[in-house]
Amino acid sequence: MPDIITDSLKCGVVAGYLNMSLDLLTAQLTELEAQGLIESAANGLCLKDLPALEKLADGMA
């Protein structure tokens, strides 16, 4: 079952935590959605492929 990240934080706060602009955050989320790794959910963000997201994150470290 996919994991859900609730939308308790505003986008600007998340972008600030990640030290990126709101436009860049939007572009990155759009790319992850296009790859089938995430999708919008009624109550937040659905992580559809957590192992692939972890592998992607490991490659960015």
Protein backbone atom coordinates (compact mmCIF):
# COMPACT_ATOMS: atom_id res chain seq x y z
CA MET A 1 0.00 0.00 0.00
CA PRO A 2 1.39 3.45 -0.88
CA ASP A 3 2.44 5.86 1.83
CA ILE A 4 0.68 9.22 2.18
CA ILE A 5 2.35 12.45 3.25
CA THR A 6 -0.39 14.67 4.62
CA ASP A 7 -0.69 18.25 3.46
CA SER A 8 -0.25 19.76 6.90
CA LEU A 9 2.56 22.04 5.68
CA LYS A 10 2.26 24.85 3.17
CA CYS A 11 4.27 24.53 -0.05
CA GLY A 12 6.34 27.59 0.80
CA VAL A 13 7.40 26.04 4.09
CA VAL A 14 8.46 22.81 2.38
CA ALA A 15 10.39 24.73 -0.29
CA GLY A 16 12.12 26.69 2.47
CA TYR A 17 13.10 23.50 4.31
CA LEU A 18 14.57 22.20 1.06
CA ASN A 19 16.26 25.52 0.29
CA MET A 20 14.60 25.79 -3.13
CA SER A 21 12.17 28.10 -4.83
CA LEU A 22 8.49 27.27 -5.05
CA ASP A 23 8.86 27.02 -8.84
CA LEU A 24 11.67 24.47 -8.50
CA LEU A 25 9.69 22.45 -5.95
CA THR A 26 6.73 22.39 -8.33
CA ALA A 27 8.93 21.30 -11.24
CA GLN A 28 10.53 18.52 -9.19
CA LEU A 29 7.18 17.21 -7.95
CA THR A 30 5.82 17.32 -11.50
CA GLU A 31 8.80 15.28 -12.71
CA LEU A 32 8.37 12.70 -9.94
CA GLU A 33 4.69 12.42 -10.84
CA ALA A 34 5.54 11.97 -14.54
CA GLN A 35 7.88 9.12 -13.56
CA GLY A 36 5.03 7.46 -11.65
CA LEU A 37 6.78 7.77 -8.30
CA ILE A 38 4.23 10.06 -6.62
CA GLU A 39 0.70 11.32 -7.20
CA SER A 40 -1.59 13.89 -5.68
CA ALA A 41 -4.02 12.51 -3.13
CA ALA A 42 -7.07 14.12 -1.56
CA ASN A 43 -5.28 14.54 1.75
CA GLY A 44 -1.69 15.01 0.61
CA LEU A 45 0.94 13.33 -1.51
CA CYS A 46 0.94 9.60 -2.30
CA LEU A 47 4.37 7.95 -2.47
CA LYS A 48 3.70 5.22 -5.03
CA ASP A 49 7.18 3.69 -5.26
CA LEU A 50 9.14 4.26 -2.07
CA PRO A 51 12.11 2.01 -3.04
CA ALA A 52 12.58 3.95 -6.29
CA LEU A 53 12.34 7.26 -4.43
CA GLU A 54 14.96 6.06 -1.92
CA LYS A 55 17.25 4.95 -4.74
CA LEU A 56 16.84 8.34 -6.41
CA ALA A 57 17.60 10.12 -3.12
CA ASP A 58 20.70 7.97 -2.55
CA GLY A 59 21.99 8.99 -5.96
CA MET A 60 21.63 12.66 -5.06
CA ALA A 61 23.59 12.44 -1.84
